[in-house]
Amino acid sequence: MRVKPLFVIISTLSLFLAVVLIYPSPPVAPSKSSDSTSAKSDIWSVQRIVEWRPCKWWLQSHLTPLPAKSNGFIRVDCYGGLNQMRRDFCDGVGIARLLNATLVLPKFEVAAYWNESSSGFSDVFDADYFITQMNGFVNVVKELPPEISSKEPHRVDCSKRKGQFDYIESVLPSLLKYHYVSITPAMSQRRDRYPKYAKAALCQACYRALKLTESLEKKANKLLEAIPKPFLSLHLRFEPDMVAYSQCQYSGLSPTSMKALEAARGDDRKPWTGEAARIWRNRGKCPLTPNETAFILQALSIPKNTNIYLAAGDGLMEIEGLTSIYSNVVTKSALLSGEDFETMHGNTKAALDYYVSINSDSYMATYFGNMDKMVAAMRAFEGLYKTLFLSRRAFAEFTSRGLEGKLLMEALWKAHKDDFIKGRGSALSDCFSDLRC
């Protein structure tokens, strides 16, 4: 008997459906939940929507010609750590151009900070390279002419004060009268009334003209080559003086750390207590401990086998809180030979950390200091955007609400993800923008 085609089609479909219903489909792999820190890629895989770039107006601008006659000489007195001095020096370059002055290369007054003798600009930076790169932006000299070199400069106080500090009104009259003045740029209103040609001098000085000396750069490259690749440079701040300065309290510190901390505090750095301490911490004023840092790295899905270069000064407390979880941690003191390291002073050690950090595959900082801001800017200048500041404020706020474990990790992931996507916290100067400029 002949079977009709329609009956054949119906029978075939029925048989297929029966097979599908009888045999269960293979298990489907669970999707990566956006809320699960254990299932997601690390923070660097997040797509950014903001990229800071150096502005073209100083990179490619036609320079305003320097006046034929200088109004005198300015020496910028720089104090503190290397990156604080670098910040002040760059501001001083802009001030010199603003006032049509000739810039005298400074000494770096490091004694109070590093407990060492002062070092010259040329101990860290290539002076000849700097002068060449600043040609057309500002006049620079290594030494004063004989008729001025025997004199001490007239000191102009630019210390932080209420209201605006105007360099033209406050410094220029002294420059014209004495022809040689020294300043330390004010902590506020640094770029007050800067025309673009003065800003361009500052930008050129900070991001194009400051190069390490040949010997120091050679040592920095030697250190860079010794670090296992790829690697994260982590600027971790939990030294006794930093914690004492913060006036924060920490429980569970080792007796050794407590002793070092008490010695650093003295009588004028007593920690906050009670409600004041809680408010202070929730404002993000307390440095992250190494253990807290490790927790945040895990929240950001940074693998535990990540190679980490520890960009930090001597005397870090509680470092086991990090190394017990992230074991592939290296330091400059371990990678450089004893003689190479022991003969270096604080400025040159800081220069190594700076050089490695701007050349690292990724960079994270637990603080928001001068080095962190400078490294972030230089990495943006080079088009390196795997840069993130860990949020002390977010950690304090979430833990004060009682969040812990997985919930705390999820909250930290979201907070840092939002910062990274939008480029928040980069602290870049007028030399950069997230728009075309």
Protein backbone atom coordinates (compact mmCIF):
# COMPACT_ATOMS: atom_id res chain seq x y z
CA MET A 1 0.00 0.00 0.00
CA ARG A 2 1.30 3.45 -0.84
CA VAL A 3 1.83 5.91 2.12
CA LYS A 4 0.83 9.51 1.60
CA PRO A 5 3.64 12.07 1.84
CA LEU A 6 1.87 14.12 4.56
CA PHE A 7 1.60 11.05 6.81
CA VAL A 8 5.38 10.43 6.43
CA ILE A 9 6.24 13.98 7.43
CA ILE A 10 4.00 13.85 10.51
CA SER A 11 5.46 10.50 11.60
CA THR A 12 9.03 11.78 11.26
CA LEU A 13 8.36 14.87 13.33
CA SER A 14 6.67 12.82 16.04
CA LEU A 15 9.64 10.48 16.28
CA PHE A 16 12.08 13.44 16.57
CA LEU A 17 10.08 15.07 19.38
CA ALA A 18 9.93 11.78 21.26
CA VAL A 19 13.71 11.45 21.15
CA VAL A 20 14.17 15.01 22.40
CA LEU A 21 11.82 14.47 25.32
CA ILE A 22 13.26 11.09 26.34
CA TYR A 23 16.98 12.10 26.28
CA PRO A 24 17.80 15.16 28.40
CA SER A 25 19.93 17.89 26.83
CA PRO A 26 23.54 18.17 28.02
CA PRO A 27 24.17 20.41 31.03
CA VAL A 28 24.72 24.08 30.20
CA ALA A 29 27.76 25.76 31.74
CA PRO A 30 26.73 28.41 34.24
CA SER A 31 26.92 31.93 32.88
CA LYS A 32 29.36 34.39 34.41
CA SER A 33 27.32 36.39 36.85
CA SER A 34 28.14 40.07 36.94
CA ASP A 35 27.76 39.94 40.72
CA SER A 36 30.11 37.03 41.38
CA THR A 37 33.75 37.98 41.93
CA SER A 38 34.88 34.37 41.53
CA ALA A 39 33.41 34.03 38.04
CA LYS A 40 34.47 37.29 36.40
CA SER A 41 37.65 38.38 34.66
CA ASP A 42 39.92 40.81 36.45
CA ILE A 43 39.30 44.56 36.63
CA TRP A 44 41.48 45.25 33.59
CA SER A 45 39.01 43.46 31.32
CA VAL A 46 36.37 46.12 31.98
CA GLN A 47 35.79 48.39 28.99
CA ARG A 48 36.66 52.01 29.78
CA ILE A 49 34.65 54.92 28.39
CA VAL A 50 37.08 57.68 29.38
CA GLU A 51 40.74 57.92 28.36
CA TRP A 52 42.84 60.86 29.53
CA ARG A 53 45.23 62.17 26.90
CA PRO A 54 47.82 64.96 26.80
CA CYS A 55 46.43 68.13 25.23
CA LYS A 56 47.60 69.06 21.75
CA TRP A 57 47.85 72.74 22.62
CA TRP A 58 51.13 72.11 24.42
CA LEU A 59 52.30 69.06 22.48
CA GLN A 60 52.01 70.70 19.08
CA SER A 61 51.56 74.36 19.83
CA HIS A 62 53.46 77.21 18.24
CA LEU A 63 55.35 78.65 21.17
CA THR A 64 54.94 82.24 22.23
CA PRO A 65 58.47 83.66 21.69
CA LEU A 66 60.48 84.30 24.83
CA PRO A 67 61.05 88.01 25.54
CA ALA A 68 64.49 89.25 24.57
CA LYS A 69 65.36 90.27 28.13
CA SER A 70 64.86 88.22 31.30
CA ASN A 71 63.49 89.85 34.45
CA GLY A 72 65.99 87.99 36.62
CA PHE A 73 66.73 84.57 38.08
CA ILE A 74 64.43 82.26 40.03
CA ARG A 75 65.54 79.30 42.09
CA VAL A 76 62.86 76.83 43.14
CA ASP A 77 63.56 75.36 46.57
CA CYS A 78 62.20 71.81 46.71
CA TYR A 79 61.60 69.87 49.91
CA GLY A 80 60.24 66.43 50.84
CA GLY A 81 60.23 63.21 48.87
CA LEU A 82 61.28 62.96 45.23
CA ASN A 83 57.82 63.29 43.73
CA GLN A 84 56.83 66.18 45.98
CA MET A 85 60.00 67.96 44.86
CA ARG A 86 59.29 67.09 41.25
CA ARG A 87 55.78 68.55 41.59
CA ASP A 88 57.08 71.78 43.10
CA PHE A 89 59.85 72.04 40.52
CA CYS A 90 57.40 71.65 37.62
CA ASP A 91 55.22 74.37 39.13
CA GLY A 92 58.32 76.52 39.50
CA VAL A 93 59.03 76.15 35.77
CA GLY A 94 55.58 77.51 35.01
CA ILE A 95 56.12 80.40 37.45
CA ALA A 96 59.49 81.26 35.86
CA ARG A 97 57.85 81.46 32.42
CA LEU A 98 54.92 83.44 33.83
CA LEU A 99 57.31 86.03 35.27
CA ASN A 100 59.72 85.96 32.32
CA ALA A 101 62.51 84.77 34.59
CA THR A 102 65.53 82.56 33.99
CA LEU A 103 65.24 79.30 35.92
CA VAL A 104 68.21 78.15 38.03
CA LEU A 105 68.41 74.38 38.47
CA PRO A 106 67.67 73.61 42.12
CA LYS A 107 69.14 71.56 44.89
CA PHE A 108 66.77 69.00 46.33
CA GLU A 109 66.63 69.61 50.08
CA VAL A 110 66.06 66.04 51.19
CA ALA A 111 67.74 66.11 54.60
CA ALA A 112 64.58 66.58 56.66
CA TYR A 113 62.73 63.82 54.86
CA TRP A 114 65.32 61.11 54.21
CA ASN A 115 67.70 61.99 57.07
CA GLU A 116 70.46 62.32 54.49
CA SER A 117 72.54 65.07 52.95
CA SER A 118 70.97 67.14 50.18
CA SER A 119 71.31 66.00 46.61
CA GLY A 120 71.46 68.03 43.45
CA PHE A 121 69.04 68.04 40.55
CA SER A 122 71.75 66.37 38.47
CA ASP A 123 72.01 63.42 40.89
CA VAL A 124 68.59 62.28 39.68
CA PHE A 125 67.79 64.00 36.39
CA ASP A 126 69.77 64.60 33.19
CA ALA A 127 70.37 68.36 33.36
CA ASP A 128 71.58 68.77 29.78
CA TYR A 129 68.59 66.87 28.41
CA PHE A 130 66.25 69.03 30.51
CA ILE A 131 67.77 72.27 29.24
CA THR A 132 67.58 71.09 25.62
CA GLN A 133 63.95 70.00 25.94
CA MET A 134 62.97 73.33 27.53
CA ASN A 135 64.48 75.39 24.72
CA GLY A 136 61.85 77.91 23.62
CA PHE A 137 59.65 77.23 26.65
CA VAL A 138 61.77 78.89 29.34
CA ASN A 139 65.40 79.91 29.82
CA VAL A 140 67.32 77.53 32.11
CA VAL A 141 70.85 77.76 33.51
CA LYS A 142 72.92 75.36 35.59
CA GLU A 143 74.97 78.10 37.22
CA LEU A 144 74.46 81.78 37.95
CA PRO A 145 76.63 84.46 36.33
CA PRO A 146 79.60 85.56 38.50
CA GLU A 147 78.08 88.92 39.47
CA ILE A 148 75.10 87.11 41.07
CA SER A 149 76.52 83.77 42.20
CA SER A 150 78.10 85.26 45.33
CA LYS A 151 74.74 86.54 46.57
CA GLU A 152 72.05 84.70 48.45
CA PRO A 153 68.67 84.91 46.73
CA HIS A 154 65.94 87.07 48.18
CA ARG A 155 63.43 84.66 49.70
CA VAL A 156 59.77 85.21 48.76
CA ASP A 157 57.24 83.46 50.99
CA CYS A 158 54.69 81.56 48.89
CA SER A 159 53.41 79.39 51.73
CA LYS A 160 49.82 78.27 51.81
CA ARG A 161 47.44 81.00 52.91
CA LYS A 162 43.80 81.97 52.76
CA GLY A 163 42.68 83.64 49.57
CA GLN A 164 44.41 83.70 46.22
CA PHE A 165 48.16 83.88 45.92
CA ASP A 166 49.13 85.88 42.86
CA TYR A 167 52.69 85.36 41.66
CA ILE A 168 52.68 88.46 39.46
CA GLU A 169 51.64 90.71 42.34
CA SER A 170 53.67 88.97 45.04
CA VAL A 171 56.86 87.71 43.37
CA LEU A 172 57.50 89.86 40.30
CA PRO A 173 58.24 93.11 42.23
CA SER A 174 60.93 91.32 44.27
CA LEU A 175 62.35 89.72 41.12
CA LEU A 176 62.67 93.13 39.43
CA LYS A 177 64.23 94.67 42.56
CA TYR A 178 66.68 91.92 43.58
CA HIS A 179 67.16 90.10 40.21
CA TYR A 180 67.56 86.79 42.07
CA VAL A 181 64.80 85.26 44.19
CA SER A 182 64.02 81.86 45.64
CA ILE A 183 60.55 80.41 46.09
CA THR A 184 58.73 77.25 47.07
CA PRO A 185 55.50 77.14 45.05
CA ALA A 186 52.34 77.64 47.10
CA MET A 187 50.35 74.53 47.98
CA SER A 188 47.21 76.27 46.71
CA GLN A 189 46.52 78.48 43.72
CA ARG A 190 49.58 77.09 41.95
CA ARG A 191 48.37 77.96 38.50
CA ASP A 192 46.57 81.15 39.32
CA ARG A 193 46.49 83.43 36.26
CA TYR A 194 48.67 81.12 34.15
CA PRO A 195 48.44 81.98 30.45
CA LYS A 196 48.79 79.03 28.10
CA TYR A 197 52.46 79.66 27.38
CA ALA A 198 53.25 79.30 31.10
CA LYS A 199 51.13 76.14 31.36
CA ALA A 200 52.88 74.77 28.28
CA ALA A 201 56.26 75.27 29.99
CA LEU A 202 55.01 73.40 33.06
CA CYS A 203 53.62 70.53 30.97
CA GLN A 204 56.77 70.24 28.87
CA ALA A 205 58.94 70.21 32.00
CA CYS A 206 56.93 67.58 33.84
CA TYR A 207 56.14 65.10 31.06
CA ARG A 208 58.82 65.50 28.39
CA ALA A 209 61.93 67.08 29.84
CA LEU A 210 62.62 65.21 33.09
CA LYS A 211 64.70 62.16 32.28
CA LEU A 212 66.75 60.13 34.75
CA THR A 213 70.51 60.34 34.55
CA GLU A 214 72.14 57.76 32.30
CA SER A 215 73.55 55.75 35.22
CA LEU A 216 70.27 55.80 37.15
CA GLU A 217 68.22 54.84 34.09
CA LYS A 218 70.64 51.98 33.43
CA LYS A 219 70.08 50.71 36.98
CA ALA A 220 66.31 51.16 36.61
CA ASN A 221 66.33 49.12 33.39
CA LYS A 222 68.37 46.42 35.10
CA LEU A 223 65.72 46.27 37.81
CA LEU A 224 62.90 46.27 35.26
CA GLU A 225 64.44 43.37 33.35
CA ALA A 226 64.79 41.32 36.56
CA ILE A 227 61.08 41.48 37.41
CA PRO A 228 59.09 38.43 36.20
CA LYS A 229 56.65 39.43 33.44
CA PRO A 230 53.88 40.38 33.16
CA PHE A 231 53.67 42.22 36.45
CA LEU A 232 51.62 44.62 38.54
CA SER A 233 53.43 47.49 40.24
CA LEU A 234 51.79 48.07 43.62
CA HIS A 235 52.50 51.28 45.54
CA LEU A 236 51.73 50.23 49.08
CA ARG A 237 51.86 52.81 51.87
CA PHE A 238 51.87 51.36 55.37
CA GLU A 239 55.07 52.66 56.90
CA PRO A 240 55.14 53.84 60.55
CA ASP A 241 55.50 57.53 59.67
CA MET A 242 52.63 57.37 57.17
CA VAL A 243 50.29 55.64 59.63
CA ALA A 244 51.32 58.04 62.42
CA TYR A 245 50.69 61.04 60.16
CA SER A 246 47.20 59.72 59.30
CA GLN A 247 46.23 59.68 63.02
CA CYS A 248 44.31 56.43 62.44
CA GLN A 249 43.91 53.51 64.82
CA TYR A 250 44.46 49.87 63.82
CA SER A 251 43.69 46.78 65.84
CA GLY A 252 45.57 43.50 65.61
CA LEU A 253 48.99 44.91 64.70
CA SER A 254 52.03 42.91 65.75
CA PRO A 255 54.07 44.09 68.76
CA THR A 256 56.89 45.07 66.38
CA SER A 257 54.56 47.24 64.32
CA MET A 258 53.01 48.80 67.41
CA LYS A 259 56.44 49.70 68.77
CA ALA A 260 57.49 51.29 65.45
CA LEU A 261 54.19 53.16 65.25
CA GLU A 262 54.40 54.54 68.76
CA ALA A 263 57.94 55.76 68.08
CA ALA A 264 56.76 57.55 64.92
CA ARG A 265 53.74 59.18 66.55
CA GLY A 266 55.45 61.25 69.20
CA ASP A 267 53.30 63.67 71.18
CA ASP A 268 51.68 65.58 68.32
CA ARG A 269 50.22 62.70 66.28
CA LYS A 270 47.85 61.03 68.70
CA PRO A 271 45.23 58.94 66.89
CA TRP A 272 41.60 59.98 66.69
CA THR A 273 39.22 58.16 69.02
CA GLY A 274 35.48 57.49 69.25
CA GLU A 275 33.11 59.05 66.72
CA ALA A 276 35.85 61.32 65.36
CA ALA A 277 37.91 58.23 64.45
CA ARG A 278 34.95 56.66 62.64
CA ILE A 279 34.24 59.82 60.62
CA TRP A 280 37.93 60.23 59.80
CA ARG A 281 38.19 56.64 58.53
CA ASN A 282 34.96 56.87 56.50
CA ARG A 283 36.36 59.93 54.76
CA GLY A 284 39.10 57.69 53.39
CA LYS A 285 41.91 59.14 55.49
CA CYS A 286 43.35 55.86 56.76
CA PRO A 287 46.02 53.97 54.78
CA LEU A 288 45.07 50.46 53.71
CA THR A 289 46.89 47.68 55.53
CA PRO A 290 48.64 45.00 53.44
CA ASN A 291 45.88 42.56 54.48
CA GLU A 292 43.13 44.97 53.37
CA THR A 293 45.01 45.54 50.13
CA ALA A 294 45.15 41.80 49.44
CA PHE A 295 41.40 41.55 50.10
CA ILE A 296 40.65 44.30 47.58
CA LEU A 297 42.94 42.69 44.98
CA GLN A 298 40.95 39.48 45.38
CA ALA A 299 37.69 41.43 45.06
CA LEU A 300 39.01 42.80 41.75
CA SER A 301 39.77 39.22 40.63
CA ILE A 302 43.52 39.78 40.47
CA PRO A 303 44.91 36.20 40.34
CA LYS A 304 46.87 35.09 43.38
CA ASN A 305 49.79 34.04 41.19
CA THR A 306 50.19 37.59 39.78
CA ASN A 307 53.75 38.88 39.74
CA ILE A 308 53.77 41.97 41.96
CA TYR A 309 56.54 44.55 42.20
CA LEU A 310 56.28 46.29 45.54
CA ALA A 311 56.96 49.99 44.98
CA ALA A 312 57.43 51.09 48.55
CA GLY A 313 59.88 52.65 50.95
CA ASP A 314 61.74 50.91 53.72
CA GLY A 315 59.97 49.80 56.89
CA LEU A 316 56.65 48.50 55.59
CA MET A 317 54.60 47.06 58.44
CA GLU A 318 52.48 43.88 58.37
CA ILE A 319 53.67 42.92 54.87
CA GLU A 320 52.79 39.27 55.58
CA GLY A 321 49.15 40.26 55.20
CA LEU A 322 49.84 40.63 51.47
CA THR A 323 52.53 38.01 50.85
CA SER A 324 50.57 35.23 52.59
CA ILE A 325 47.98 35.52 49.80
CA TYR A 326 50.02 36.91 46.89
CA SER A 327 53.28 35.03 47.11
CA ASN A 328 54.95 36.30 43.90
CA VAL A 329 56.01 39.62 45.40
CA VAL A 330 59.40 41.13 44.56
CA THR A 331 61.21 44.22 45.82
CA LYS A 332 64.09 46.33 44.58
CA SER A 333 66.21 45.40 47.59
CA ALA A 334 65.87 41.70 46.70
CA LEU A 335 66.51 42.12 42.97
CA LEU A 336 69.45 44.52 43.08
CA SER A 337 72.82 43.49 44.42
CA GLY A 338 73.60 44.59 47.96
CA GLU A 339 76.22 47.15 46.93
CA ASP A 340 73.99 48.61 44.21
CA PHE A 341 71.18 49.13 46.68
CA GLU A 342 73.03 50.20 49.82
CA THR A 343 74.87 53.06 48.11
CA MET A 344 71.63 54.65 46.91
CA HIS A 345 69.94 57.47 48.79
CA GLY A 346 66.20 57.98 49.19
CA ASN A 347 65.71 60.07 46.06
CA THR A 348 67.34 57.57 43.74
CA LYS A 349 65.48 54.65 45.32
CA ALA A 350 62.21 56.52 44.77
CA ALA A 351 63.29 57.19 41.18
CA LEU A 352 63.62 53.42 40.60
CA ASP A 353 60.07 52.83 41.89
CA TYR A 354 58.80 55.63 39.66
CA TYR A 355 60.55 54.28 36.56
CA VAL A 356 59.38 50.70 37.11
CA SER A 357 55.82 51.85 37.84
CA ILE A 358 55.41 53.86 34.65
CA ASN A 359 56.77 50.91 32.66
CA SER A 360 54.77 48.19 34.41
CA ASP A 361 52.01 46.17 32.75
CA SER A 362 49.57 47.55 35.33
CA TYR A 363 49.74 49.90 38.30
CA MET A 364 47.75 50.13 41.52
CA ALA A 365 48.21 52.44 44.47
CA THR A 366 46.78 52.26 47.96
CA TYR A 367 47.27 55.98 48.49
CA PHE A 368 46.76 59.16 46.48
CA GLY A 369 50.08 60.88 46.93
CA ASN A 370 52.48 62.76 44.69
CA MET A 371 54.07 59.64 43.22
CA ASP A 372 50.69 58.10 42.41
CA LYS A 373 49.46 61.23 40.64
CA MET A 374 52.70 61.56 38.68
CA VAL A 375 52.77 57.89 37.68
CA ALA A 376 49.11 58.02 36.58
CA ALA A 377 49.82 61.06 34.42
CA MET A 378 52.96 59.57 32.84
CA ARG A 379 51.17 56.30 32.12
CA ALA A 380 48.34 58.25 30.45
CA PHE A 381 50.97 60.21 28.49
CA GLU A 382 52.33 56.87 27.23
CA GLY A 383 48.84 55.49 26.53
CA LEU A 384 48.98 52.96 29.39
CA TYR A 385 45.58 52.85 31.06
CA LYS A 386 45.79 49.84 33.37
CA THR A 387 46.04 52.23 36.31
CA LEU A 388 43.83 52.22 39.39
CA PHE A 389 43.78 53.81 42.82
CA LEU A 390 42.37 51.50 45.48
CA SER A 391 39.59 53.24 47.37
CA ARG A 392 40.24 53.63 51.08
CA ARG A 393 36.95 55.44 51.42
CA ALA A 394 34.89 52.66 49.82
CA PHE A 395 36.57 50.03 51.98
CA ALA A 396 35.91 52.04 55.15
CA GLU A 397 32.29 52.81 54.28
CA PHE A 398 31.39 49.23 53.35
CA THR A 399 33.03 47.69 56.40
CA SER A 400 31.39 50.27 58.69
CA ARG A 401 28.03 49.04 57.36
CA GLY A 402 28.98 45.54 58.45
CA LEU A 403 29.66 44.12 54.98
CA GLU A 404 32.12 41.24 54.92
CA GLY A 405 33.14 38.23 52.85
CA LYS A 406 31.44 37.86 49.47
CA LEU A 407 29.11 40.83 49.96
CA LEU A 408 32.05 43.10 50.73
CA MET A 409 33.91 41.81 47.67
CA GLU A 410 30.92 42.47 45.42
CA ALA A 411 30.54 46.03 46.74
CA LEU A 412 34.26 46.72 46.28
CA TRP A 413 34.16 45.33 42.74
CA LYS A 414 31.32 47.65 41.76
CA ALA A 415 32.92 50.73 43.33
CA HIS A 416 36.27 50.17 41.61
CA LYS A 417 34.64 49.14 38.34
CA ASP A 418 32.76 52.44 38.20
CA ASP A 419 35.97 54.38 38.94
CA PHE A 420 37.91 52.51 36.28
CA ILE A 421 35.22 52.85 33.59
CA LYS A 422 34.89 56.60 34.09
CA GLY A 423 38.55 57.36 34.75
CA ARG A 424 37.78 58.86 38.14
CA GLY A 425 40.56 59.62 40.55
CA SER A 426 43.25 60.10 37.92
CA ALA A 427 44.16 63.56 39.35
CA LEU A 428 45.63 64.71 36.07
CA SER A 429 46.71 68.30 35.69
CA ASP A 430 45.74 70.93 33.15
CA CYS A 431 48.08 69.20 30.70
CA PHE A 432 45.54 66.39 30.14
CA SER A 433 41.88 66.04 29.32
CA ASP A 434 39.30 63.33 28.73
CA LEU A 435 38.14 65.40 25.73
CA ARG A 436 40.01 66.67 22.69
CA CYS A 437 41.95 69.74 23.73
